[in-house]
Amino acid sequence: MANKKTDHIEETEVKKVEEPKEELISIMIPLIPGEDPEETVIINGYVTKIKKGETVHVKKNVAEVLENKYQQQKLAEKNRQKFKNQVQEL
């Protein structure tokens, strides 16, 4: 005689944890002809696509990432010009 094995599956209630509402920041990234019309920011796997040329509201951490990006680009351009001037003096 065959023994019947019954699997007992316990149902548990899954509660969605409400994330605290984050502060939204208004930003506008200029649309420059020839560049991609969207800016993509990925933070911890969360993707935010921002349309350039329009004022949009983004989470504070997205605005901070963009601010850091543009500060680094500005610094890199300044250093590139400095290096170029040093090379020309030689």
C-alpha atoms as a PDB file:
ATOM      1  CA  MET A   1       0.000   0.000   0.000  1.00  0.00           C
ATOM      2  CA  ALA A   2       1.396   3.369  -0.984  1.00  0.00           C
ATOM      3  CA  ASN A   3       1.785   6.083   1.562  1.00  0.00           C
ATOM      4  CA  LYS A   4       0.417   9.428   0.492  1.00  0.00           C
ATOM      5  CA  LYS A   5       2.550  12.362   1.447  1.00  0.00           C
ATOM      6  CA  THR A   6       0.741  15.622   1.761  1.00  0.00           C
ATOM      7  CA  ASP A   7       2.664  18.813   1.476  1.00  0.00           C
ATOM      8  CA  HIS A   8       1.487  21.517   3.787  1.00  0.00           C
ATOM      9  CA  ILE A   9       2.027  24.961   2.365  1.00  0.00           C
ATOM     10  CA  GLU A  10       1.712  27.692   4.880  1.00  0.00           C
ATOM     11  CA  GLU A  11       0.353  30.924   3.533  1.00  0.00           C
ATOM     12  CA  THR A  12       1.910  34.039   4.885  1.00  0.00           C
ATOM     13  CA  GLU A  13       0.730  37.547   4.483  1.00  0.00           C
ATOM     14  CA  VAL A  14       3.117  39.721   2.563  1.00  0.00           C
ATOM     15  CA  LYS A  15       3.001  43.336   3.577  1.00  0.00           C
ATOM     16  CA  LYS A  16       4.327  45.952   1.237  1.00  0.00           C
ATOM     17  CA  VAL A  17       6.621  48.278   3.089  1.00  0.00           C
ATOM     18  CA  GLU A  18       5.730  51.848   2.303  1.00  0.00           C
ATOM     19  CA  GLU A  19       8.816  53.828   1.412  1.00  0.00           C
ATOM     20  CA  PRO A  20       8.922  57.302   2.869  1.00  0.00           C
ATOM     21  CA  LYS A  21       8.100  59.913   0.258  1.00  0.00           C
ATOM     22  CA  GLU A  22      11.302  61.394  -1.036  1.00  0.00           C
ATOM     23  CA  GLU A  23      11.754  65.054  -1.750  1.00  0.00           C
ATOM     24  CA  LEU A  24      11.419  65.875  -5.437  1.00  0.00           C
ATOM     25  CA  ILE A  25      13.709  68.384  -7.103  1.00  0.00           C
ATOM     26  CA  SER A  26      12.842  70.351 -10.259  1.00  0.00           C
ATOM     27  CA  ILE A  27      15.601  70.129 -12.854  1.00  0.00           C
ATOM     28  CA  MET A  28      16.035  70.922 -16.520  1.00  0.00           C
ATOM     29  CA  ILE A  29      18.824  69.401 -18.587  1.00  0.00           C
ATOM     30  CA  PRO A  30      19.471  71.439 -21.749  1.00  0.00           C
ATOM     31  CA  LEU A  31      18.810  69.663 -25.012  1.00  0.00           C
ATOM     32  CA  ILE A  32      21.907  70.024 -27.161  1.00  0.00           C
ATOM     33  CA  PRO A  33      21.535  69.189 -30.866  1.00  0.00           C
ATOM     34  CA  GLY A  34      23.285  65.950 -31.760  1.00  0.00           C
ATOM     35  CA  GLU A  35      23.127  64.539 -28.214  1.00  0.00           C
ATOM     36  CA  ASP A  36      20.776  61.899 -26.877  1.00  0.00           C
ATOM     37  CA  PRO A  37      17.405  63.513 -25.993  1.00  0.00           C
ATOM     38  CA  GLU A  38      17.267  61.531 -22.740  1.00  0.00           C
ATOM     39  CA  GLU A  39      19.543  61.224 -19.719  1.00  0.00           C
ATOM     40  CA  THR A  40      19.532  57.891 -17.908  1.00  0.00           C
ATOM     41  CA  VAL A  41      20.446  57.587 -14.230  1.00  0.00           C
ATOM     42  CA  ILE A  42      20.711  54.168 -12.568  1.00  0.00           C
ATOM     43  CA  ILE A  43      20.964  53.986  -8.773  1.00  0.00           C
ATOM     44  CA  ASN A  44      20.967  50.571  -7.090  1.00  0.00           C
ATOM     45  CA  GLY A  45      19.178  49.034 -10.053  1.00  0.00           C
ATOM     46  CA  TYR A  46      16.460  51.703 -10.265  1.00  0.00           C
ATOM     47  CA  VAL A  47      16.433  53.360 -13.678  1.00  0.00           C
ATOM     48  CA  THR A  48      15.329  56.967 -14.151  1.00  0.00           C
ATOM     49  CA  LYS A  49      15.048  58.370 -17.672  1.00  0.00           C
ATOM     50  CA  ILE A  50      14.952  62.143 -17.904  1.00  0.00           C
ATOM     51  CA  LYS A  51      13.810  63.984 -21.010  1.00  0.00           C
ATOM     52  CA  LYS A  52      16.177  66.800 -21.882  1.00  0.00           C
ATOM     53  CA  GLY A  53      14.886  70.270 -22.671  1.00  0.00           C
ATOM     54  CA  GLU A  54      11.954  70.046 -20.248  1.00  0.00           C
ATOM     55  CA  THR A  55      11.594  70.824 -16.557  1.00  0.00           C
ATOM     56  CA  VAL A  56      11.002  67.577 -14.679  1.00  0.00           C
ATOM     57  CA  HIS A  57      10.750  66.514 -11.039  1.00  0.00           C
ATOM     58  CA  VAL A  58      13.201  63.842  -9.890  1.00  0.00           C
ATOM     59  CA  LYS A  59      14.150  62.331  -6.555  1.00  0.00           C
ATOM     60  CA  LYS A  60      16.853  64.147  -4.637  1.00  0.00           C
ATOM     61  CA  ASN A  61      19.391  61.329  -5.083  1.00  0.00           C
ATOM     62  CA  VAL A  62      18.922  61.431  -8.885  1.00  0.00           C
ATOM     63  CA  ALA A  63      19.505  65.198  -8.893  1.00  0.00           C
ATOM     64  CA  GLU A  64      22.662  64.685  -6.804  1.00  0.00           C
ATOM     65  CA  VAL A  65      24.016  62.089  -9.245  1.00  0.00           C
ATOM     66  CA  LEU A  66      23.441  64.454 -12.157  1.00  0.00           C
ATOM     67  CA  GLU A  67      25.021  67.362 -10.285  1.00  0.00           C
ATOM     68  CA  ASN A  68      28.099  65.239  -9.532  1.00  0.00           C
ATOM     69  CA  LYS A  69      28.274  64.123 -13.165  1.00  0.00           C
ATOM     70  CA  TYR A  70      28.251  67.657 -14.518  1.00  0.00           C
ATOM     71  CA  GLN A  71      30.742  68.887 -11.901  1.00  0.00           C
ATOM     72  CA  GLN A  72      33.133  66.090 -12.886  1.00  0.00           C
ATOM     73  CA  GLN A  73      32.704  66.891 -16.581  1.00  0.00           C
ATOM     74  CA  LYS A  74      33.414  70.567 -15.884  1.00  0.00           C
ATOM     75  CA  LEU A  75      36.538  69.669 -13.884  1.00  0.00           C
ATOM     76  CA  ALA A  76      37.710  67.262 -16.594  1.00  0.00           C
ATOM     77  CA  GLU A  77      37.293  69.958 -19.270  1.00  0.00           C
ATOM     78  CA  LYS A  78      39.206  72.463 -17.132  1.00  0.00           C
ATOM     79  CA  ASN A  79      42.058  69.968 -16.665  1.00  0.00           C
ATOM     80  CA  ARG A  80      42.031  69.106 -20.374  1.00  0.00           C
ATOM     81  CA  GLN A  81      42.414  72.791 -21.273  1.00  0.00           C
ATOM     82  CA  LYS A  82      45.182  73.201 -18.686  1.00  0.00           C
ATOM     83  CA  PHE A  83      47.048  70.202 -20.096  1.00  0.00           C
ATOM     84  CA  LYS A  84      46.537  71.429 -23.664  1.00  0.00           C
ATOM     85  CA  ASN A  85      48.004  74.836 -22.735  1.00  0.00           C
ATOM     86  CA  GLN A  86      51.020  73.184 -21.051  1.00  0.00           C
ATOM     87  CA  VAL A  87      51.686  71.079 -24.160  1.00  0.00           C
ATOM     88  CA  GLN A  88      51.472  74.133 -26.411  1.00  0.00           C
ATOM     89  CA  GLU A  89      54.076  75.932 -24.277  1.00  0.00           C
ATOM     90  CA  LEU A  90      56.597  73.157 -24.934  1.00  0.00           C
END
